Amino acid sequence: MKVAVLGAGAIGAYVGAALHRAGADVHLVARGPHLAAMRQHGVQVLSPRGDFTARVHATDDPSQVGPVDYVFLGLKANSYAACGPLIEPLLHGSTAVIAAQNGIPWWYFHRHGGPHDGQRIESVDPGGAVSAVLAPERAIGCVVYAATELEGPGVVRHLEGTRFSIGEPGRTVSDRCLAFSEAMVAGGLKCPVESDLRADIWIKLLGNISFNPISALSRATMRQMCLHGGTRKVIEIMMTETLAVAGALGCKPDISVEKRLAGAERVGDHRTSTLQDLERGKPLELDVLLAAVVELAEITGVPVPTLRTVHAISDLLADRMRSAA
């Protein structure tokens, strides 16, 4: 099995190191000091499950890698439309693309069935720009439940969780999913193949759609948002509205708002990825988390007044970040 990790940051390098341990032919595509460190020292993983180093091939030139069986996409979703020159050298006729993204994926309605089958979501696939680069037929969905961070160039700190749920848009249990899952498990990770990954997408999204924008607007940690009565109530309403949109699309995630809030509170003083991006002056990845669900609410006719309000304010913040860049 030949795998390229495109965007080998904290999550991508962690997955690449695990697959390398499983015996896969792994190639990491990265840049800058992080790439230089991985070339010189390999990927150093620091984990409560045991530290290890993986001497994985790393490059900034995908043409040196050539076509692969799987591309594990570790890029931010707002980079997908521009990744054509990077991903094209990695593709052959049956290459699968496993997108480890939060939020609503560009392939959401691919083989969805029902009245929205094949519909494009403008917020995540503007003008079809993402589908033109990443054909939905190649997509394998992936919901990441692992938490990692780059402690330094080439050094991945694994904080918690090892589950990477994957699944086909068409709700089949395919051979390509089973083969990738087997390699991930051999590398020490959990990788269940879900017959309907969309339920997992909505469960993960309940937290991202609420905590991420609120954290950017308030500069607060997960625990602080949960313990403050006002923000906790706003987050609860946002989650309830999100579940209503999921239900209108025929998806019934098996989780309550109370359970999702309790789980978030246990995380403690963790800063969301959106807050970290804000602090580093990076673009805010809110379209797939919030704008997409507001768009889906319009499609389905579900009222989401609180989501719309938070989206309007956080979108202004994102615009200001883009103008300042």
C-alpha atoms as a PDB file:
ATOM      1  CA  MET A   1       0.000   0.000   0.000  1.00  0.00           C
ATOM      2  CA  LYS A   2       1.412   3.368  -1.062  1.00  0.00           C
ATOM      3  CA  VAL A   3       0.129   6.399   0.849  1.00  0.00           C
ATOM      4  CA  ALA A   4       0.860  10.102   0.504  1.00  0.00           C
ATOM      5  CA  VAL A   5       0.018  12.481   3.325  1.00  0.00           C
ATOM      6  CA  LEU A   6      -0.650  15.873   1.759  1.00  0.00           C
ATOM      7  CA  GLY A   7      -0.409  18.469   4.498  1.00  0.00           C
ATOM      8  CA  ALA A   8       1.635  16.499   7.028  1.00  0.00           C
ATOM      9  CA  GLY A   9       1.016  18.720  10.041  1.00  0.00           C
ATOM     10  CA  ALA A  10       0.216  17.375  13.493  1.00  0.00           C
ATOM     11  CA  ILE A  11      -2.579  14.992  12.447  1.00  0.00           C
ATOM     12  CA  GLY A  12      -1.094  14.108   9.059  1.00  0.00           C
ATOM     13  CA  ALA A  13       2.377  13.339  10.405  1.00  0.00           C
ATOM     14  CA  TYR A  14       0.852  11.282  13.234  1.00  0.00           C
ATOM     15  CA  VAL A  15      -1.159   9.179  10.789  1.00  0.00           C
ATOM     16  CA  GLY A  16       1.826   8.852   8.462  1.00  0.00           C
ATOM     17  CA  ALA A  17       4.064   7.665  11.303  1.00  0.00           C
ATOM     18  CA  ALA A  18       1.470   5.068  12.347  1.00  0.00           C
ATOM     19  CA  LEU A  19       1.021   3.756   8.796  1.00  0.00           C
ATOM     20  CA  HIS A  20       4.812   3.573   8.420  1.00  0.00           C
ATOM     21  CA  ARG A  21       4.955   1.392  11.545  1.00  0.00           C
ATOM     22  CA  ALA A  22       2.369  -0.848   9.897  1.00  0.00           C
ATOM     23  CA  GLY A  23       4.654  -1.371   6.896  1.00  0.00           C
ATOM     24  CA  ALA A  24       2.937   0.932   4.413  1.00  0.00           C
ATOM     25  CA  ASP A  25       4.998   2.863   1.855  1.00  0.00           C
ATOM     26  CA  VAL A  26       4.391   6.358   3.258  1.00  0.00           C
ATOM     27  CA  HIS A  27       5.385   9.750   1.838  1.00  0.00           C
ATOM     28  CA  LEU A  28       4.829  12.985   3.750  1.00  0.00           C
ATOM     29  CA  VAL A  29       4.331  16.229   1.840  1.00  0.00           C
ATOM     30  CA  ALA A  30       5.137  19.284   3.938  1.00  0.00           C
ATOM     31  CA  ARG A  31       7.246  22.439   3.872  1.00  0.00           C
ATOM     32  CA  GLY A  32       9.441  24.762   5.920  1.00  0.00           C
ATOM     33  CA  PRO A  33      11.274  23.918   9.153  1.00  0.00           C
ATOM     34  CA  HIS A  34       8.830  21.076   9.863  1.00  0.00           C
ATOM     35  CA  LEU A  35       9.818  19.371   6.603  1.00  0.00           C
ATOM     36  CA  ALA A  36      13.535  19.923   7.271  1.00  0.00           C
ATOM     37  CA  ALA A  37      13.229  18.369  10.733  1.00  0.00           C
ATOM     38  CA  MET A  38      11.322  15.321   9.447  1.00  0.00           C
ATOM     39  CA  ARG A  39      13.929  14.790   6.728  1.00  0.00           C
ATOM     40  CA  GLN A  40      16.759  14.913   9.246  1.00  0.00           C
ATOM     41  CA  HIS A  41      15.249  13.178  12.271  1.00  0.00           C
ATOM     42  CA  GLY A  42      12.038  11.488  11.090  1.00  0.00           C
ATOM     43  CA  VAL A  43       8.674  12.056  12.753  1.00  0.00           C
ATOM     44  CA  GLN A  44       9.059  12.043  16.525  1.00  0.00           C
ATOM     45  CA  VAL A  45       5.797  11.108  18.251  1.00  0.00           C
ATOM     46  CA  LEU A  46       5.408  11.854  21.960  1.00  0.00           C
ATOM     47  CA  SER A  47       2.400  10.038  23.368  1.00  0.00           C
ATOM     48  CA  PRO A  48       1.055   8.674  26.656  1.00  0.00           C
ATOM     49  CA  ARG A  49       0.790   5.394  24.719  1.00  0.00           C
ATOM     50  CA  GLY A  50       4.553   5.378  24.170  1.00  0.00           C
ATOM     51  CA  ASP A  51       7.013   7.568  22.284  1.00  0.00           C
ATOM     52  CA  PHE A  52       8.428   6.483  18.938  1.00  0.00           C
ATOM     53  CA  THR A  53      10.215   7.808  15.863  1.00  0.00           C
ATOM     54  CA  ALA A  54       9.243   6.968  12.280  1.00  0.00           C
ATOM     55  CA  ARG A  55      11.832   7.514   9.538  1.00  0.00           C
ATOM     56  CA  VAL A  56       9.353   8.402   6.816  1.00  0.00           C
ATOM     57  CA  HIS A  57      10.172   9.853   3.405  1.00  0.00           C
ATOM     58  CA  ALA A  58       9.288  13.566   3.410  1.00  0.00           C
ATOM     59  CA  THR A  59       9.266  16.049   0.544  1.00  0.00           C
ATOM     60  CA  ASP A  60       7.803  19.325  -0.654  1.00  0.00           C
ATOM     61  CA  ASP A  61       7.504  18.023  -4.224  1.00  0.00           C
ATOM     62  CA  PRO A  62       4.666  15.513  -4.843  1.00  0.00           C
ATOM     63  CA  SER A  63       6.084  14.727  -8.283  1.00  0.00           C
ATOM     64  CA  GLN A  64       8.935  12.947  -6.461  1.00  0.00           C
ATOM     65  CA  VAL A  65       6.327  10.634  -4.930  1.00  0.00           C
ATOM     66  CA  GLY A  66       4.216   9.813  -7.987  1.00  0.00           C
ATOM     67  CA  PRO A  67       0.823   8.084  -8.012  1.00  0.00           C
ATOM     68  CA  VAL A  68      -0.325   6.446  -4.782  1.00  0.00           C
ATOM     69  CA  ASP A  69      -3.180   4.230  -3.613  1.00  0.00           C
ATOM     70  CA  TYR A  70      -4.383   6.685  -0.956  1.00  0.00           C
ATOM     71  CA  VAL A  71      -3.928  10.389  -0.361  1.00  0.00           C
ATOM     72  CA  PHE A  72      -4.538  11.301   3.274  1.00  0.00           C
ATOM     73  CA  LEU A  73      -5.495  14.970   3.093  1.00  0.00           C
ATOM     74  CA  GLY A  74      -4.308  16.894   6.137  1.00  0.00           C
ATOM     75  CA  LEU A  75      -4.814  20.360   4.665  1.00  0.00           C
ATOM     76  CA  LYS A  76      -7.330  22.844   6.020  1.00  0.00           C
ATOM     77  CA  ALA A  77     -10.586  22.670   4.056  1.00  0.00           C
ATOM     78  CA  ASN A  78     -10.188  26.256   2.897  1.00  0.00           C
ATOM     79  CA  SER A  79      -7.045  25.126   1.016  1.00  0.00           C
ATOM     80  CA  TYR A  80      -8.713  22.346  -0.981  1.00  0.00           C
ATOM     81  CA  ALA A  81      -9.646  24.377  -4.061  1.00  0.00           C
ATOM     82  CA  ALA A  82      -6.048  25.507  -4.546  1.00  0.00           C
ATOM     83  CA  CYS A  83      -4.376  22.129  -3.952  1.00  0.00           C
ATOM     84  CA  GLY A  84      -4.639  20.894  -7.554  1.00  0.00           C
ATOM     85  CA  PRO A  85      -0.931  21.263  -8.445  1.00  0.00           C
ATOM     86  CA  LEU A  86       0.004  19.379  -5.270  1.00  0.00           C
ATOM     87  CA  ILE A  87      -2.429  16.498  -5.553  1.00  0.00           C
ATOM     88  CA  GLU A  88      -2.431  15.844  -9.305  1.00  0.00           C
ATOM     89  CA  PRO A  89       0.989  14.082  -9.363  1.00  0.00           C
ATOM     90  CA  LEU A  90      -0.280  11.720  -6.643  1.00  0.00           C
ATOM     91  CA  LEU A  91      -3.324  10.442  -8.519  1.00  0.00           C
ATOM     92  CA  HIS A  92      -3.911   7.433 -10.719  1.00  0.00           C
ATOM     93  CA  GLY A  93      -7.235   6.076 -11.929  1.00  0.00           C
ATOM     94  CA  SER A  94      -8.316   4.572  -8.611  1.00  0.00           C
ATOM     95  CA  THR A  95      -6.509   6.710  -6.026  1.00  0.00           C
ATOM     96  CA  ALA A  96      -8.724   7.332  -3.001  1.00  0.00           C
ATOM     97  CA  VAL A  97      -8.653  10.674  -1.181  1.00  0.00           C
ATOM     98  CA  ILE A  98      -9.233  10.496   2.573  1.00  0.00           C
ATOM     99  CA  ALA A  99     -10.073  13.992   3.792  1.00  0.00           C
ATOM    100  CA  ALA A 100      -9.493  14.434   7.512  1.00  0.00           C
ATOM    101  CA  GLN A 101     -11.576  17.581   7.822  1.00  0.00           C
ATOM    102  CA  ASN A 102     -13.976  19.006  10.344  1.00  0.00           C
ATOM    103  CA  GLY A 103     -17.402  20.232   9.312  1.00  0.00           C
ATOM    104  CA  ILE A 104     -19.492  19.544   6.226  1.00  0.00           C
ATOM    105  CA  PRO A 105     -17.389  17.994   3.427  1.00  0.00           C
ATOM    106  CA  TRP A 106     -17.637  18.965  -0.231  1.00  0.00           C
ATOM    107  CA  TRP A 107     -18.852  15.453  -1.066  1.00  0.00           C
ATOM    108  CA  TYR A 108     -21.757  15.492   1.428  1.00  0.00           C
ATOM    109  CA  PHE A 109     -24.542  15.046  -1.129  1.00  0.00           C
ATOM    110  CA  HIS A 110     -22.547  12.694  -3.397  1.00  0.00           C
ATOM    111  CA  ARG A 111     -24.537   9.440  -3.518  1.00  0.00           C
ATOM    112  CA  HIS A 112     -26.688  10.807  -0.705  1.00  0.00           C
ATOM    113  CA  GLY A 113     -29.984   9.702  -2.203  1.00  0.00           C
ATOM    114  CA  GLY A 114     -33.263  11.563  -1.944  1.00  0.00           C
ATOM    115  CA  PRO A 115     -34.149  15.029  -3.237  1.00  0.00           C
ATOM    116  CA  HIS A 116     -30.707  16.546  -2.580  1.00  0.00           C
ATOM    117  CA  ASP A 117     -28.631  13.813  -4.219  1.00  0.00           C
ATOM    118  CA  GLY A 118     -25.657  15.343  -6.036  1.00  0.00           C
ATOM    119  CA  GLN A 119     -26.445  18.892  -4.907  1.00  0.00           C
ATOM    120  CA  ARG A 120     -23.467  21.211  -4.472  1.00  0.00           C
ATOM    121  CA  ILE A 121     -23.026  23.161  -1.228  1.00  0.00           C
ATOM    122  CA  GLU A 122     -21.741  26.564  -2.256  1.00  0.00           C
ATOM    123  CA  SER A 123     -20.143  27.347   1.117  1.00  0.00           C
ATOM    124  CA  VAL A 124     -17.752  24.405   0.904  1.00  0.00           C
ATOM    125  CA  ASP A 125     -17.511  23.981  -2.878  1.00  0.00           C
ATOM    126  CA  PRO A 126     -17.814  27.502  -4.322  1.00  0.00           C
ATOM    127  CA  GLY A 127     -18.556  27.299  -8.015  1.00  0.00           C
ATOM    128  CA  GLY A 128     -17.522  23.632  -7.967  1.00  0.00           C
ATOM    129  CA  ALA A 129     -13.878  24.627  -7.427  1.00  0.00           C
ATOM    130  CA  VAL A 130     -13.208  21.869  -4.875  1.00  0.00           C
ATOM    131  CA  SER A 131     -14.994  19.126  -6.841  1.00  0.00           C
ATOM    132  CA  ALA A 132     -12.930  20.085  -9.889  1.00  0.00           C
ATOM    133  CA  VAL A 133      -9.752  19.288  -7.922  1.00  0.00           C
ATOM    134  CA  LEU A 134     -11.051  16.514  -5.655  1.00  0.00           C
ATOM    135  CA  ALA A 135     -13.563  14.417  -7.574  1.00  0.00           C
ATOM    136  CA  PRO A 136     -16.278  13.206  -5.152  1.00  0.00           C
ATOM    137  CA  GLU A 137     -15.875   9.706  -6.619  1.00  0.00           C
ATOM    138  CA  ARG A 138     -12.409   9.541  -5.039  1.00  0.00           C
ATOM    139  CA  ALA A 139     -13.585  10.643  -1.592  1.00  0.00           C
ATOM    140  CA  ILE A 140     -13.512   8.531   1.540  1.00  0.00           C
ATOM    141  CA  GLY A 141     -14.895  10.465   4.498  1.00  0.00           C
ATOM    142  CA  CYS A 142     -12.906  10.659   7.712  1.00  0.00           C
ATOM    143  CA  VAL A 143     -13.910  11.971  11.134  1.00  0.00           C
ATOM    144  CA  VAL A 144     -10.943  12.536  13.438  1.00  0.00           C
ATOM    145  CA  TYR A 145     -11.318  11.956  17.170  1.00  0.00           C
ATOM    146  CA  ALA A 146      -7.590  12.179  17.944  1.00  0.00           C
ATOM    147  CA  ALA A 147      -6.009  15.324  19.400  1.00  0.00           C
ATOM    148  CA  THR A 148      -2.447  16.182  18.422  1.00  0.00           C
ATOM    149  CA  GLU A 149      -0.284  19.273  18.183  1.00  0.00           C
ATOM    150  CA  LEU A 150       3.114  20.171  16.787  1.00  0.00           C
ATOM    151  CA  GLU A 151       5.379  20.644  19.776  1.00  0.00           C
ATOM    152  CA  GLY A 152       8.152  21.705  17.447  1.00  0.00           C
ATOM    153  CA  PRO A 153       9.353  21.037  13.902  1.00  0.00           C
ATOM    154  CA  GLY A 154       9.123  17.306  13.301  1.00  0.00           C
ATOM    155  CA  VAL A 155       7.757  16.645  16.807  1.00  0.00           C
ATOM    156  CA  VAL A 156       4.121  15.570  17.231  1.00  0.00           C
ATOM    157  CA  ARG A 157       2.577  15.580  20.681  1.00  0.00           C
ATOM    158  CA  HIS A 158      -0.297  13.081  20.816  1.00  0.00           C
ATOM    159  CA  LEU A 159      -2.686  14.274  23.509  1.00  0.00           C
ATOM    160  CA  GLU A 160      -5.601  11.855  23.436  1.00  0.00           C
ATOM    161  CA  GLY A 161      -7.744   9.640  21.229  1.00  0.00           C
ATOM    162  CA  THR A 162      -6.747   7.325  18.408  1.00  0.00           C
ATOM    163  CA  ARG A 163     -10.011   6.948  16.457  1.00  0.00           C
ATOM    164  CA  PHE A 164     -10.278   7.882  12.792  1.00  0.00           C
ATOM    165  CA  SER A 165     -13.726   6.802  11.582  1.00  0.00           C
ATOM    166  CA  ILE A 166     -13.958   6.397   7.814  1.00  0.00           C
ATOM    167  CA  GLY A 167     -16.741   5.638   5.367  1.00  0.00           C
ATOM    168  CA  GLU A 168     -17.958   5.795   1.797  1.00  0.00           C
ATOM    169  CA  PRO A 169     -20.342   8.580   0.721  1.00  0.00           C
ATOM    170  CA  GLY A 170     -22.559   5.876  -0.780  1.00  0.00           C
ATOM    171  CA  ARG A 171     -22.908   4.033   2.567  1.00  0.00           C
ATOM    172  CA  THR A 172     -21.189   0.874   1.365  1.00  0.00           C
ATOM    173  CA  VAL A 173     -18.413  -0.984   3.186  1.00  0.00           C
ATOM    174  CA  SER A 174     -15.864  -1.009   0.389  1.00  0.00           C
ATOM    175  CA  ASP A 175     -12.660  -2.981  -0.068  1.00  0.00           C
ATOM    176  CA  ARG A 176     -10.655   0.248  -0.218  1.00  0.00           C
ATOM    177  CA  CYS A 177     -12.007   1.330   3.168  1.00  0.00           C
ATOM    178  CA  LEU A 178     -11.354  -2.069   4.721  1.00  0.00           C
ATOM    179  CA  ALA A 179      -7.763  -2.139   3.416  1.00  0.00           C
ATOM    180  CA  PHE A 180      -6.983   1.327   4.763  1.00  0.00           C
ATOM    181  CA  SER A 181      -8.618   0.491   8.098  1.00  0.00           C
ATOM    182  CA  GLU A 182      -6.514  -2.649   8.409  1.00  0.00           C
ATOM    183  CA  ALA A 183      -3.308  -0.664   7.868  1.00  0.00           C
ATOM    184  CA  MET A 184      -4.320   1.986  10.410  1.00  0.00           C
ATOM    185  CA  VAL A 185      -5.128  -0.671  13.019  1.00  0.00           C
ATOM    186  CA  ALA A 186      -1.813  -2.398  12.352  1.00  0.00           C
ATOM    187  CA  GLY A 187      -0.153   0.955  13.074  1.00  0.00           C
ATOM    188  CA  GLY A 188      -1.830   1.201  16.475  1.00  0.00           C
ATOM    189  CA  LEU A 189      -4.836   3.389  15.635  1.00  0.00           C
ATOM    190  CA  LYS A 190      -8.578   2.800  15.696  1.00  0.00           C
ATOM    191  CA  CYS A 191     -10.195   3.073  12.284  1.00  0.00           C
ATOM    192  CA  PRO A 192     -13.776   1.768  12.204  1.00  0.00           C
ATOM    193  CA  VAL A 193     -15.452   1.625   8.801  1.00  0.00           C
ATOM    194  CA  GLU A 194     -18.894   3.176   9.250  1.00  0.00           C
ATOM    195  CA  SER A 195     -21.767   2.294   6.942  1.00  0.00           C
ATOM    196  CA  ASP A 196     -23.116   5.829   7.363  1.00  0.00           C
ATOM    197  CA  LEU A 197     -20.356   8.268   8.299  1.00  0.00           C
ATOM    198  CA  ARG A 198     -22.691  11.266   8.095  1.00  0.00           C
ATOM    199  CA  ALA A 199     -23.930  10.572  11.643  1.00  0.00           C
ATOM    200  CA  ASP A 200     -20.334  10.842  12.887  1.00  0.00           C
ATOM    201  CA  ILE A 201     -19.889  14.055  10.901  1.00  0.00           C
ATOM    202  CA  TRP A 202     -22.839  15.675  12.676  1.00  0.00           C
ATOM    203  CA  ILE A 203     -21.779  14.451  16.128  1.00  0.00           C
ATOM    204  CA  LYS A 204     -18.308  15.969  15.702  1.00  0.00           C
ATOM    205  CA  LEU A 205     -19.840  19.081  14.140  1.00  0.00           C
ATOM    206  CA  LEU A 206     -22.025  19.746  17.194  1.00  0.00           C
ATOM    207  CA  GLY A 207     -18.911  20.803  19.052  1.00  0.00           C
ATOM    208  CA  ASN A 208     -17.072  22.490  16.189  1.00  0.00           C
ATOM    209  CA  ILE A 209     -20.008  24.611  15.018  1.00  0.00           C
ATOM    210  CA  SER A 210     -20.521  26.094  18.466  1.00  0.00           C
ATOM    211  CA  PHE A 211     -17.277  26.085  20.431  1.00  0.00           C
ATOM    212  CA  ASN A 212     -14.999  27.090  17.552  1.00  0.00           C
ATOM    213  CA  PRO A 213     -16.595  30.412  16.557  1.00  0.00           C
ATOM    214  CA  ILE A 214     -17.523  31.311  20.141  1.00  0.00           C
ATOM    215  CA  SER A 215     -13.944  30.654  21.252  1.00  0.00           C
ATOM    216  CA  ALA A 216     -12.632  32.971  18.536  1.00  0.00           C
ATOM    217  CA  LEU A 217     -15.071  35.712  19.529  1.00  0.00           C
ATOM    218  CA  SER A 218     -14.486  35.337  23.280  1.00  0.00           C
ATOM    219  CA  ARG A 219     -10.850  34.078  23.348  1.00  0.00           C
ATOM    220  CA  ALA A 220     -12.062  31.455  25.851  1.00  0.00           C
ATOM    221  CA  THR A 221     -11.118  27.816  26.422  1.00  0.00           C
ATOM    222  CA  MET A 222     -13.560  24.909  26.282  1.00  0.00           C
ATOM    223  CA  ARG A 223     -13.943  24.821  30.057  1.00  0.00           C
ATOM    224  CA  GLN A 224     -14.461  28.570  30.319  1.00  0.00           C
ATOM    225  CA  MET A 225     -17.197  28.525  27.676  1.00  0.00           C
ATOM    226  CA  CYS A 226     -18.984  25.652  29.417  1.00  0.00           C
ATOM    227  CA  LEU A 227     -18.838  27.233  32.879  1.00  0.00           C
ATOM    228  CA  HIS A 228     -20.049  30.675  31.790  1.00  0.00           C
ATOM    229  CA  GLY A 229     -23.853  30.640  31.932  1.00  0.00           C
ATOM    230  CA  GLY A 230     -24.365  32.910  28.933  1.00  0.00           C
ATOM    231  CA  THR A 231     -22.052  31.203  26.478  1.00  0.00           C
ATOM    232  CA  ARG A 232     -23.171  27.773  27.645  1.00  0.00           C
ATOM    233  CA  LYS A 233     -26.772  28.684  26.805  1.00  0.00           C
ATOM    234  CA  VAL A 234     -25.800  30.062  23.375  1.00  0.00           C
ATOM    235  CA  ILE A 235     -23.832  26.886  22.628  1.00  0.00           C
ATOM    236  CA  GLU A 236     -26.747  24.722  23.742  1.00  0.00           C
ATOM    237  CA  ILE A 237     -29.093  26.575  21.366  1.00  0.00           C
ATOM    238  CA  MET A 238     -26.585  26.313  18.507  1.00  0.00           C
ATOM    239  CA  MET A 239     -26.318  22.555  19.041  1.00  0.00           C
ATOM    240  CA  THR A 240     -30.110  22.171  19.132  1.00  0.00           C
ATOM    241  CA  GLU A 241     -30.492  24.097  15.870  1.00  0.00           C
ATOM    242  CA  THR A 242     -27.740  21.996  14.269  1.00  0.00           C
ATOM    243  CA  LEU A 243     -29.498  18.764  15.232  1.00  0.00           C
ATOM    244  CA  ALA A 244     -32.683  20.115  13.637  1.00  0.00           C
ATOM    245  CA  VAL A 245     -30.850  20.674  10.329  1.00  0.00           C
ATOM    246  CA  ALA A 246     -29.342  17.176  10.484  1.00  0.00           C
ATOM    247  CA  GLY A 247     -32.793  15.727  11.132  1.00  0.00           C
ATOM    248  CA  ALA A 248     -34.271  17.565   8.160  1.00  0.00           C
ATOM    249  CA  LEU A 249     -31.650  15.830   6.012  1.00  0.00           C
ATOM    250  CA  GLY A 250     -32.618  12.431   7.383  1.00  0.00           C
ATOM    251  CA  CYS A 251     -29.698  12.082   9.811  1.00  0.00           C
ATOM    252  CA  LYS A 252     -30.392  11.368  13.488  1.00  0.00           C
ATOM    253  CA  PRO A 253     -27.111  11.487  15.458  1.00  0.00           C
ATOM    254  CA  ASP A 254     -27.289   9.298  18.548  1.00  0.00           C
ATOM    255  CA  ILE A 255     -26.184  11.904  21.081  1.00  0.00           C
ATOM    256  CA  SER A 256     -27.854  14.507  23.275  1.00  0.00           C
ATOM    257  CA  VAL A 257     -26.851  18.137  23.658  1.00  0.00           C
ATOM    258  CA  GLU A 258     -26.306  17.544  27.387  1.00  0.00           C
ATOM    259  CA  LYS A 259     -23.891  14.672  26.721  1.00  0.00           C
ATOM    260  CA  ARG A 260     -21.996  16.700  24.127  1.00  0.00           C
ATOM    261  CA  LEU A 261     -21.642  19.631  26.543  1.00  0.00           C
ATOM    262  CA  ALA A 262     -20.498  17.362  29.363  1.00  0.00           C
ATOM    263  CA  GLY A 263     -17.842  15.837  27.127  1.00  0.00           C
ATOM    264  CA  ALA A 264     -16.593  19.278  26.098  1.00  0.00           C
ATOM    265  CA  GLU A 265     -16.361  20.424  29.706  1.00  0.00           C
ATOM    266  CA  ARG A 266     -14.186  17.414  30.556  1.00  0.00           C
ATOM    267  CA  VAL A 267     -11.664  18.524  27.918  1.00  0.00           C
ATOM    268  CA  GLY A 268     -10.686  21.357  30.263  1.00  0.00           C
ATOM    269  CA  ASP A 269      -8.763  24.494  29.318  1.00  0.00           C
ATOM    270  CA  HIS A 270      -8.204  23.506  25.700  1.00  0.00           C
ATOM    271  CA  ARG A 271      -8.092  26.190  23.016  1.00  0.00           C
ATOM    272  CA  THR A 272     -10.015  25.237  19.887  1.00  0.00           C
ATOM    273  CA  SER A 273      -8.224  25.024  16.555  1.00  0.00           C
ATOM    274  CA  THR A 274     -10.059  28.175  15.419  1.00  0.00           C
ATOM    275  CA  LEU A 275      -8.818  30.135  18.424  1.00  0.00           C
ATOM    276  CA  GLN A 276      -5.283  28.856  17.797  1.00  0.00           C
ATOM    277  CA  ASP A 277      -5.537  29.946  14.136  1.00  0.00           C
ATOM    278  CA  LEU A 278      -6.759  33.376  15.253  1.00  0.00           C
ATOM    279  CA  GLU A 279      -3.839  33.782  17.652  1.00  0.00           C
ATOM    280  CA  ARG A 280      -1.386  32.798  14.895  1.00  0.00           C
ATOM    281  CA  GLY A 281      -2.939  35.106  12.328  1.00  0.00           C
ATOM    282  CA  LYS A 282      -4.049  32.206  10.123  1.00  0.00           C
ATOM    283  CA  PRO A 283      -7.304  32.095   8.090  1.00  0.00           C
ATOM    284  CA  LEU A 284     -10.311  30.938  10.097  1.00  0.00           C
ATOM    285  CA  GLU A 285     -11.842  27.667   8.877  1.00  0.00           C
ATOM    286  CA  LEU A 286     -15.473  28.620   9.521  1.00  0.00           C
ATOM    287  CA  ASP A 287     -17.153  28.040   6.157  1.00  0.00           C
ATOM    288  CA  VAL A 288     -17.281  24.250   6.533  1.00  0.00           C
ATOM    289  CA  LEU A 289     -18.210  24.518  10.223  1.00  0.00           C
ATOM    290  CA  LEU A 290     -20.862  27.220  10.283  1.00  0.00           C
ATOM    291  CA  ALA A 291     -21.649  28.781   6.897  1.00  0.00           C
ATOM    292  CA  ALA A 292     -22.370  25.352   5.418  1.00  0.00           C
ATOM    293  CA  VAL A 293     -24.952  24.504   8.067  1.00  0.00           C
ATOM    294  CA  VAL A 294     -26.647  27.890   7.617  1.00  0.00           C
ATOM    295  CA  GLU A 295     -26.802  27.108   3.891  1.00  0.00           C
ATOM    296  CA  LEU A 296     -28.234  23.644   4.607  1.00  0.00           C
ATOM    297  CA  ALA A 297     -30.832  25.285   6.862  1.00  0.00           C
ATOM    298  CA  GLU A 298     -31.884  27.473   3.938  1.00  0.00           C
ATOM    299  CA  ILE A 299     -32.122  24.414   1.680  1.00  0.00           C
ATOM    300  CA  THR A 300     -34.283  22.520   4.174  1.00  0.00           C
ATOM    301  CA  GLY A 301     -36.281  25.447   5.535  1.00  0.00           C
ATOM    302  CA  VAL A 302     -35.139  24.967   9.138  1.00  0.00           C
ATOM    303  CA  PRO A 303     -35.064  28.156  11.253  1.00  0.00           C
ATOM    304  CA  VAL A 304     -31.619  28.698  12.805  1.00  0.00           C
ATOM    305  CA  PRO A 305     -31.617  32.266  14.179  1.00  0.00           C
ATOM    306  CA  THR A 306     -28.753  31.765  16.629  1.00  0.00           C
ATOM    307  CA  LEU A 307     -26.535  30.055  14.065  1.00  0.00           C
ATOM    308  CA  ARG A 308     -27.210  32.931  11.673  1.00  0.00           C
ATOM    309  CA  THR A 309     -26.299  35.528  14.298  1.00  0.00           C
ATOM    310  CA  VAL A 310     -23.045  33.857  15.334  1.00  0.00           C
ATOM    311  CA  HIS A 311     -22.193  33.263  11.673  1.00  0.00           C
ATOM    312  CA  ALA A 312     -22.676  36.951  10.830  1.00  0.00           C
ATOM    313  CA  ILE A 313     -20.382  38.115  13.627  1.00  0.00           C
ATOM    314  CA  SER A 314     -17.704  35.468  13.158  1.00  0.00           C
ATOM    315  CA  ASP A 315     -17.754  35.973   9.378  1.00  0.00           C
ATOM    316  CA  LEU A 316     -16.926  39.647   9.933  1.00  0.00           C
ATOM    317  CA  LEU A 317     -14.002  38.562  12.118  1.00  0.00           C
ATOM    318  CA  ALA A 318     -12.809  36.177   9.380  1.00  0.00           C
ATOM    319  CA  ASP A 319     -13.101  38.968   6.783  1.00  0.00           C
ATOM    320  CA  ARG A 320     -11.001  41.264   8.939  1.00  0.00           C
ATOM    321  CA  MET A 321      -8.408  38.511   9.361  1.00  0.00           C
ATOM    322  CA  ARG A 322      -8.232  38.077   5.576  1.00  0.00           C
ATOM    323  CA  SER A 323      -7.897  41.840   5.024  1.00  0.00           C
ATOM    324  CA  ALA A 324      -5.063  42.069   7.540  1.00  0.00           C
ATOM    325  CA  ALA A 325      -3.143  39.146   6.021  1.00  0.00           C
END
